[in-house]
Amino acid sequence: MSDDAKLWSKTISDVNEEVLVNLETPHPAYYIALGGAVFALLIGILFVCLHFTFGLGLWNFHPPVYWAVDITNFVFWVGIGHAGTLISAILFLFRAKWRNSVNRSAEAMTIFAVISAAVFPLIHMGRPWHGAIWALPLPNTNNLWINFRSPLVWDVFAISTYFTTSLLFWYMGLVPDLASIRDRVTGFKRLVYGFMSFGWRGTAKQWWHYEAGYGFLAALATPLVLSVHSVVSWDFAMSIQPGWHTTIFPPYFVAGAILSGCAMVYNLLVPVRYMFKLEKFILPEHLESCLRLTLLTSTIVFYAYSLEFFVAWYSGNPYEWALFAKRATGPYAFYFWVMMACNCWFPLAFWSKKVRENIVLSYVICFAVNIGMWFERYNIIVSSLVEDFIPARWGHFEPGLWEVVITVGSFGLFMTFYLVFCKFFPIVSLSEIKLIMPKPMSPKPLKAGGDHHHG
């Protein structure tokens, strides 16, 4: 019997039992992974404490580079976050059945990635308990007001709106599953899960409202994600800085976000599938569909890279062309070619079905894609800032020890949140798997002469 046939031969109680039992008794590898994530998080917290003590001098900032690894990490995590909800919402609207095994992971990834991203603007303020108040649109004795024409202010509104919508979309999908856990546990846990499930009973009226609300949030989240990540790109494109002032940035950033998100979903699903024994629910076909989407978005990103160089050459702008040529051949060539190899060349292997079916090799390629996407953000930000229109201001930047430490810490923060979530909440959507399962057949008609009032 095939894996797919085994899935459809299960009953609703089988789905609850197999998924929820494995939440209670994960593989020992889970605790090893969680320990590594917490250790990385503690390293990041150590840096933040030192940073708040000694200030921005710990970083390698120097003129003309005042945005570097911190903003690189911010844009990287915002991209990861935007991809999760976009993948889930679009696949829901198109009724793609394979999303039912990956949507919960993608939506949770969104929430935790946006939290990881939000840390970096606060750190960049130096001492946020003094500086954060000035970012609020409040009147004060100095008569300072927020400049609403600034793209950085657009970011605040765009990302906070997006985070709220994504949180509602994720939590609404979680409510029926929380009720399933509530009915299984006792004592204090039952009280907590009962409160979180809002008294869900699974009546026809509740399901009607649930499906209407979930569909509305999916329809709202899709254009919102496209617009919000376009706003993130305008932080750069609205300037006159060579390498940033380009109209391709909005679709370029959106495609890059989906690429990094698809690769990250795969990187998260494979170990979780093993640690929580979900091989019967996250099937090879689901993983392969994720890789197909990665290949598609990689192709779009490669087109965007090529178009950037073409427009820089065709425009006749010597500053623009000099910057792009130097990216490929100058001191930042290493970052550029790693970006090209990881984002454009390695994913071409997914054209082969044998590669897509090889989970270990596919995992390595997706991991490389995420490395490449981080290098892409670094390449865009740093290589554009080091040279502007005034040669006397030109400089060079390389990450130092503390830049590496805070980057590791951000991954520790993200993975700690994600692994704790996996332990207490089902990483596959029980309610959606049940909805696509075959309904039980009606009872067979009784033979002539039988009692038609029983059955």
Foldseek 3Di string as FASTA:
>chain_A
DDLVVVLLVDDLVVLLVQQVVLLQPWAPVLVVLLVLLVVLQVLLVVLLVVLLVPWPPVWPDDFPDLDFLLVLLLLLLQLLLLQLLQVLLVCVVVVPLLCLFQNLVSLLSNLLSNVLNVVSVCSSVSNNVPVVVLLDQDQDPVRRGDDPVALVNVLVVLSVVLNVLSVCLNLLLQLVQLVSVLVVDDDPSVVVSCVSNVNDDPDPVVVVVSVVVNNVSSVVNNVSSLVNQLSVLCNQCVDPQQLRVDPCRSVLSNLLSNLLNLLVSLLVCVVLCRRSVVCSPNDLVSQLVSLVSNLVSLVVNVVSLVVQQVCLVVVPPVNNNVLVVCCCVNPVVVLVVLLCCLSHPLSVVSVDPVCSSPSVNSNVSSVSNSVSSSSVSNSSRQSRSQDGPDVVRHDHDDTDPSSVSNSSSSSSSSSSSSSVCVSPGRSRRSVSSNVPRDDDDDDDDDDPPDDRVDD
